[in-house]
Amino acid sequence: MKRIKFLIFAILLFFTGMASALAQGPGFDDDVVDEVPIDGGVSALVIAGAAYGLKKLRDKKTNNK
């Protein structure tokens, strides 16, 4: 019964979000720049993710010996 209630809640939440998304107009006004700059913040996150992945691989390699 809990699973059915959760499923109904999830479906209602999904359709509520869809109604909000469809109510928005397409795109932005003409004065909004469509380009999104990728600056140091994104590259720092990519480097941190790569370092974390390498650490996990090294830890897994040392634990398997």
PDB file of N, CA and C in Angstrom:
ATOM      1  N   MET A   1       0.820  -1.193   0.000  1.00  0.00           N
ATOM      2  CA  MET A   1       0.000   0.000   0.000  1.00  0.00           C
ATOM      3  C   MET A   1       0.865   1.258   0.000  1.00  0.00           C
ATOM      4  N   LYS A   2       1.994   1.192   0.747  1.00  0.00           N
ATOM      5  CA  LYS A   2       2.890   2.348   0.772  1.00  0.00           C
ATOM      6  C   LYS A   2       3.463   2.627  -0.612  1.00  0.00           C
ATOM      7  N   ARG A   3       3.771   1.551  -1.327  1.00  0.00           N
ATOM      8  CA  ARG A   3       4.367   1.709  -2.643  1.00  0.00           C
ATOM      9  C   ARG A   3       3.376   2.364  -3.609  1.00  0.00           C
ATOM     10  N   ILE A   4       2.125   2.002  -3.527  1.00  0.00           N
ATOM     11  CA  ILE A   4       1.109   2.584  -4.405  1.00  0.00           C
ATOM     12  C   ILE A   4       0.924   4.061  -4.093  1.00  0.00           C
ATOM     13  N   LYS A   5       0.898   4.410  -2.804  1.00  0.00           N
ATOM     14  CA  LYS A   5       0.761   5.814  -2.418  1.00  0.00           C
ATOM     15  C   LYS A   5       1.952   6.627  -2.912  1.00  0.00           C
ATOM     16  N   PHE A   6       3.157   6.050  -2.777  1.00  0.00           N
ATOM     17  CA  PHE A   6       4.351   6.746  -3.244  1.00  0.00           C
ATOM     18  C   PHE A   6       4.310   6.929  -4.756  1.00  0.00           C
ATOM     19  N   LEU A   7       3.874   5.908  -5.480  1.00  0.00           N
ATOM     20  CA  LEU A   7       3.793   5.979  -6.931  1.00  0.00           C
ATOM     21  C   LEU A   7       2.788   7.046  -7.364  1.00  0.00           C
ATOM     22  N   ILE A   8       1.648   7.086  -6.716  1.00  0.00           N
ATOM     23  CA  ILE A   8       0.638   8.105  -7.033  1.00  0.00           C
ATOM     24  C   ILE A   8       1.183   9.495  -6.738  1.00  0.00           C
ATOM     25  N   PHE A   9       1.870   9.655  -5.601  1.00  0.00           N
ATOM     26  CA  PHE A   9       2.463  10.941  -5.247  1.00  0.00           C
ATOM     27  C   PHE A   9       3.506  11.356  -6.270  1.00  0.00           C
ATOM     28  N   ALA A  10       4.352  10.420  -6.704  1.00  0.00           N
ATOM     29  CA  ALA A  10       5.396  10.727  -7.675  1.00  0.00           C
ATOM     30  C   ALA A  10       4.793  11.142  -9.018  1.00  0.00           C
ATOM     31  N   ILE A  11       3.737  10.455  -9.434  1.00  0.00           N
ATOM     32  CA  ILE A  11       3.097  10.798 -10.702  1.00  0.00           C
ATOM     33  C   ILE A  11       2.446  12.175 -10.621  1.00  0.00           C
ATOM     34  N   LEU A  12       1.768  12.457  -9.518  1.00  0.00           N
ATOM     35  CA  LEU A  12       1.155  13.782  -9.351  1.00  0.00           C
ATOM     36  C   LEU A  12       2.207  14.875  -9.319  1.00  0.00           C
ATOM     37  N   LEU A  13       3.322  14.626  -8.652  1.00  0.00           N
ATOM     38  CA  LEU A  13       4.405  15.605  -8.593  1.00  0.00           C
ATOM     39  C   LEU A  13       4.990  15.840  -9.979  1.00  0.00           C
ATOM     40  N   PHE A  14       5.139  14.769 -10.749  1.00  0.00           N
ATOM     41  CA  PHE A  14       5.660  14.880 -12.106  1.00  0.00           C
ATOM     42  C   PHE A  14       4.743  15.732 -12.972  1.00  0.00           C
ATOM     43  N   PHE A  15       3.449  15.448 -12.939  1.00  0.00           N
ATOM     44  CA  PHE A  15       2.522  16.195 -13.780  1.00  0.00           C
ATOM     45  C   PHE A  15       2.356  17.639 -13.317  1.00  0.00           C
ATOM     46  N   THR A  16       2.484  17.884 -12.028  1.00  0.00           N
ATOM     47  CA  THR A  16       2.449  19.260 -11.539  1.00  0.00           C
ATOM     48  C   THR A  16       3.635  20.040 -12.074  1.00  0.00           C
ATOM     49  N   GLY A  17       4.793  19.413 -12.076  1.00  0.00           N
ATOM     50  CA  GLY A  17       5.980  20.055 -12.634  1.00  0.00           C
ATOM     51  C   GLY A  17       5.860  20.279 -14.124  1.00  0.00           C
ATOM     52  N   MET A  18       5.236  19.343 -14.820  1.00  0.00           N
ATOM     53  CA  MET A  18       5.059  19.488 -16.262  1.00  0.00           C
ATOM     54  C   MET A  18       4.134  20.657 -16.573  1.00  0.00           C
ATOM     55  N   ALA A  19       3.099  20.834 -15.774  1.00  0.00           N
ATOM     56  CA  ALA A  19       2.181  21.943 -16.004  1.00  0.00           C
ATOM     57  C   ALA A  19       2.900  23.272 -15.826  1.00  0.00           C
ATOM     58  N   SER A  20       3.779  23.347 -14.846  1.00  0.00           N
ATOM     59  CA  SER A  20       4.542  24.577 -14.634  1.00  0.00           C
ATOM     60  C   SER A  20       5.513  24.818 -15.774  1.00  0.00           C
ATOM     61  N   ALA A  21       6.132  23.761 -16.257  1.00  0.00           N
ATOM     62  CA  ALA A  21       7.102  23.901 -17.339  1.00  0.00           C
ATOM     63  C   ALA A  21       6.415  24.301 -18.642  1.00  0.00           C
ATOM     64  N   LEU A  22       5.245  23.758 -18.894  1.00  0.00           N
ATOM     65  CA  LEU A  22       4.543  24.090 -20.127  1.00  0.00           C
ATOM     66  C   LEU A  22       3.939  25.490 -20.093  1.00  0.00           C
ATOM     67  N   ALA A  23       3.761  26.047 -18.906  1.00  0.00           N
ATOM     68  CA  ALA A  23       3.185  27.376 -18.792  1.00  0.00           C
ATOM     69  C   ALA A  23       4.199  28.462 -19.142  1.00  0.00           C
ATOM     70  N   GLN A  24       5.475  28.111 -19.192  1.00  0.00           N
ATOM     71  CA  GLN A  24       6.512  29.082 -19.497  1.00  0.00           C
ATOM     72  C   GLN A  24       6.562  29.333 -20.992  1.00  0.00           C
ATOM     73  N   GLY A  25       6.901  30.544 -21.350  1.00  0.00           N
ATOM     74  CA  GLY A  25       7.058  30.880 -22.759  1.00  0.00           C
ATOM     75  C   GLY A  25       8.346  30.296 -23.308  1.00  0.00           C
ATOM     76  N   PRO A  26       8.461  30.143 -24.618  1.00  0.00           N
ATOM     77  CA  PRO A  26       9.677  29.575 -25.194  1.00  0.00           C
ATOM     78  C   PRO A  26      10.820  30.573 -25.190  1.00  0.00           C
ATOM     79  N   GLY A  27      11.970  30.155 -24.712  1.00  0.00           N
ATOM     80  CA  GLY A  27      13.168  30.969 -24.783  1.00  0.00           C
ATOM     81  C   GLY A  27      13.183  32.157 -23.837  1.00  0.00           C
ATOM     82  N   PHE A  28      14.131  33.048 -24.113  1.00  0.00           N
ATOM     83  CA  PHE A  28      14.305  34.254 -23.313  1.00  0.00           C
ATOM     84  C   PHE A  28      13.908  35.475 -24.122  1.00  0.00           C
ATOM     85  N   ASP A  29      13.942  36.621 -23.469  1.00  0.00           N
ATOM     86  CA  ASP A  29      13.742  37.878 -24.184  1.00  0.00           C
ATOM     87  C   ASP A  29      14.943  38.121 -25.091  1.00  0.00           C
ATOM     88  N   ASP A  30      14.842  39.133 -25.951  1.00  0.00           N
ATOM     89  CA  ASP A  30      15.924  39.415 -26.885  1.00  0.00           C
ATOM     90  C   ASP A  30      17.163  39.977 -26.207  1.00  0.00           C
ATOM     91  N   ASP A  31      17.013  40.562 -25.015  1.00  0.00           N
ATOM     92  CA  ASP A  31      18.163  41.183 -24.359  1.00  0.00           C
ATOM     93  C   ASP A  31      18.992  40.202 -23.530  1.00  0.00           C
ATOM     94  N   VAL A  32      18.595  38.933 -23.460  1.00  0.00           N
ATOM     95  CA  VAL A  32      19.334  37.937 -22.680  1.00  0.00           C
ATOM     96  C   VAL A  32      20.329  37.232 -23.590  1.00  0.00           C
ATOM     97  N   VAL A  33      21.574  37.142 -23.135  1.00  0.00           N
ATOM     98  CA  VAL A  33      22.614  36.460 -23.903  1.00  0.00           C
ATOM     99  C   VAL A  33      22.440  34.952 -23.717  1.00  0.00           C
ATOM    100  N   ASP A  34      22.432  34.225 -24.820  1.00  0.00           N
ATOM    101  CA  ASP A  34      22.205  32.785 -24.772  1.00  0.00           C
ATOM    102  C   ASP A  34      23.455  31.990 -24.401  1.00  0.00           C
ATOM    103  N   GLU A  35      24.605  32.609 -24.450  1.00  0.00           N
ATOM    104  CA  GLU A  35      25.845  31.895 -24.178  1.00  0.00           C
ATOM    105  C   GLU A  35      26.087  31.788 -22.682  1.00  0.00           C
ATOM    106  N   VAL A  36      26.578  30.639 -22.275  1.00  0.00           N
ATOM    107  CA  VAL A  36      26.903  30.413 -20.866  1.00  0.00           C
ATOM    108  C   VAL A  36      28.412  30.207 -20.775  1.00  0.00           C
ATOM    109  N   PRO A  37      29.115  31.083 -20.070  1.00  0.00           N
ATOM    110  CA  PRO A  37      30.565  30.921 -19.987  1.00  0.00           C
ATOM    111  C   PRO A  37      30.944  29.774 -19.051  1.00  0.00           C
ATOM    112  N   ILE A  38      31.913  28.996 -19.474  1.00  0.00           N
ATOM    113  CA  ILE A  38      32.458  27.937 -18.625  1.00  0.00           C
ATOM    114  C   ILE A  38      33.759  28.482 -18.067  1.00  0.00           C
ATOM    115  N   ASP A  39      33.752  28.807 -16.801  1.00  0.00           N
ATOM    116  CA  ASP A  39      34.912  29.457 -16.207  1.00  0.00           C
ATOM    117  C   ASP A  39      35.620  28.521 -15.239  1.00  0.00           C
ATOM    118  N   GLY A  40      36.396  29.071 -14.339  1.00  0.00           N
ATOM    119  CA  GLY A  40      37.220  28.298 -13.421  1.00  0.00           C
ATOM    120  C   GLY A  40      36.435  27.397 -12.487  1.00  0.00           C
ATOM    121  N   GLY A  41      35.207  27.746 -12.177  1.00  0.00           N
ATOM    122  CA  GLY A  41      34.415  26.940 -11.261  1.00  0.00           C
ATOM    123  C   GLY A  41      34.118  25.558 -11.807  1.00  0.00           C
ATOM    124  N   VAL A  42      33.727  25.498 -13.068  1.00  0.00           N
ATOM    125  CA  VAL A  42      33.407  24.210 -13.683  1.00  0.00           C
ATOM    126  C   VAL A  42      34.672  23.385 -13.863  1.00  0.00           C
ATOM    127  N   SER A  43      35.745  24.024 -14.296  1.00  0.00           N
ATOM    128  CA  SER A  43      36.989  23.269 -14.492  1.00  0.00           C
ATOM    129  C   SER A  43      37.534  22.768 -13.158  1.00  0.00           C
ATOM    130  N   ALA A  44      37.362  23.535 -12.082  1.00  0.00           N
ATOM    131  CA  ALA A  44      37.796  23.074 -10.761  1.00  0.00           C
ATOM    132  C   ALA A  44      36.989  21.857 -10.321  1.00  0.00           C
ATOM    133  N   LEU A  45      35.701  21.829 -10.609  1.00  0.00           N
ATOM    134  CA  LEU A  45      34.870  20.676 -10.269  1.00  0.00           C
ATOM    135  C   LEU A  45      35.272  19.444 -11.078  1.00  0.00           C
ATOM    136  N   VAL A  46      35.611  19.634 -12.343  1.00  0.00           N
ATOM    137  CA  VAL A  46      36.044  18.513 -13.179  1.00  0.00           C
ATOM    138  C   VAL A  46      37.365  17.950 -12.657  1.00  0.00           C
ATOM    139  N   ILE A  47      38.292  18.822 -12.300  1.00  0.00           N
ATOM    140  CA  ILE A  47      39.584  18.378 -11.775  1.00  0.00           C
ATOM    141  C   ILE A  47      39.392  17.665 -10.439  1.00  0.00           C
ATOM    142  N   ALA A  48      38.541  18.207  -9.582  1.00  0.00           N
ATOM    143  CA  ALA A  48      38.286  17.566  -8.289  1.00  0.00           C
ATOM    144  C   ALA A  48      37.642  16.192  -8.475  1.00  0.00           C
ATOM    145  N   GLY A  49      36.730  16.072  -9.415  1.00  0.00           N
ATOM    146  CA  GLY A  49      36.090  14.787  -9.692  1.00  0.00           C
ATOM    147  C   GLY A  49      37.078  13.766 -10.233  1.00  0.00           C
ATOM    148  N   ALA A  50      37.974  14.214 -11.105  1.00  0.00           N
ATOM    149  CA  ALA A  50      38.991  13.303 -11.641  1.00  0.00           C
ATOM    150  C   ALA A  50      39.941  12.849 -10.538  1.00  0.00           C
ATOM    151  N   ALA A  51      40.347  13.768  -9.668  1.00  0.00           N
ATOM    152  CA  ALA A  51      41.236  13.408  -8.562  1.00  0.00           C
ATOM    153  C   ALA A  51      40.556  12.425  -7.615  1.00  0.00           C
ATOM    154  N   TYR A  52      39.291  12.645  -7.323  1.00  0.00           N
ATOM    155  CA  TYR A  52      38.541  11.740  -6.454  1.00  0.00           C
ATOM    156  C   TYR A  52      38.421  10.353  -7.084  1.00  0.00           C
ATOM    157  N   GLY A  53      38.157  10.318  -8.388  1.00  0.00           N
ATOM    158  CA  GLY A  53      38.072   9.040  -9.085  1.00  0.00           C
ATOM    159  C   GLY A  53      39.401   8.290  -9.072  1.00  0.00           C
ATOM    160  N   LEU A  54      40.501   9.004  -9.275  1.00  0.00           N
ATOM    161  CA  LEU A  54      41.815   8.363  -9.222  1.00  0.00           C
ATOM    162  C   LEU A  54      42.109   7.826  -7.828  1.00  0.00           C
ATOM    163  N   LYS A  55      41.745   8.580  -6.806  1.00  0.00           N
ATOM    164  CA  LYS A  55      41.957   8.128  -5.433  1.00  0.00           C
ATOM    165  C   LYS A  55      41.172   6.846  -5.169  1.00  0.00           C
ATOM    166  N   LYS A  56      39.920   6.800  -5.614  1.00  0.00           N
ATOM    167  CA  LYS A  56      39.093   5.615  -5.417  1.00  0.00           C
ATOM    168  C   LYS A  56      39.679   4.411  -6.155  1.00  0.00           C
ATOM    169  N   LEU A  57      40.183   4.628  -7.377  1.00  0.00           N
ATOM    170  CA  LEU A  57      40.791   3.539  -8.126  1.00  0.00           C
ATOM    171  C   LEU A  57      42.048   3.023  -7.428  1.00  0.00           C
ATOM    172  N   ARG A  58      42.870   3.931  -6.912  1.00  0.00           N
ATOM    173  CA  ARG A  58      44.079   3.521  -6.214  1.00  0.00           C
ATOM    174  C   ARG A  58      43.740   2.782  -4.928  1.00  0.00           C
ATOM    175  N   ASP A  59      42.741   3.259  -4.196  1.00  0.00           N
ATOM    176  CA  ASP A  59      42.329   2.588  -2.965  1.00  0.00           C
ATOM    177  C   ASP A  59      41.805   1.181  -3.270  1.00  0.00           C
ATOM    178  N   LYS A  60      41.064   1.046  -4.340  1.00  0.00           N
ATOM    179  CA  LYS A  60      40.516  -0.253  -4.719  1.00  0.00           C
ATOM    180  C   LYS A  60      41.640  -1.199  -5.142  1.00  0.00           C
ATOM    181  N   LYS A  61      42.642  -0.652  -5.827  1.00  0.00           N
ATOM    182  CA  LYS A  61      43.765  -1.468  -6.286  1.00  0.00           C
ATOM    183  C   LYS A  61      44.598  -1.974  -5.093  1.00  0.00           C
ATOM    184  N   THR A  62      44.817  -1.116  -4.086  1.00  0.00           N
ATOM    185  CA  THR A  62      45.615  -1.527  -2.928  1.00  0.00           C
ATOM    186  C   THR A  62      44.848  -2.488  -2.027  1.00  0.00           C
ATOM    187  N   ASN A  63      43.535  -2.407  -1.964  1.00  0.00           N
ATOM    188  CA  ASN A  63      42.731  -3.297  -1.138  1.00  0.00           C
ATOM    189  C   ASN A  63      42.594  -4.684  -1.753  1.00  0.00           C
ATOM    190  N   ASN A  64      42.753  -4.805  -3.061  1.00  0.00           N
ATOM    191  CA  ASN A  64      42.614  -6.096  -3.723  1.00  0.00           C
ATOM    192  C   ASN A  64      43.862  -6.955  -3.613  1.00  0.00           C
ATOM    193  N   LYS A  65      44.990  -6.392  -3.229  1.00  0.00           N
ATOM    194  CA  LYS A  65      46.241  -7.175  -3.151  1.00  0.00           C
ATOM    195  C   LYS A  65      46.272  -8.059  -1.961  1.00  0.00           C
TER     196      LYS A  65
END
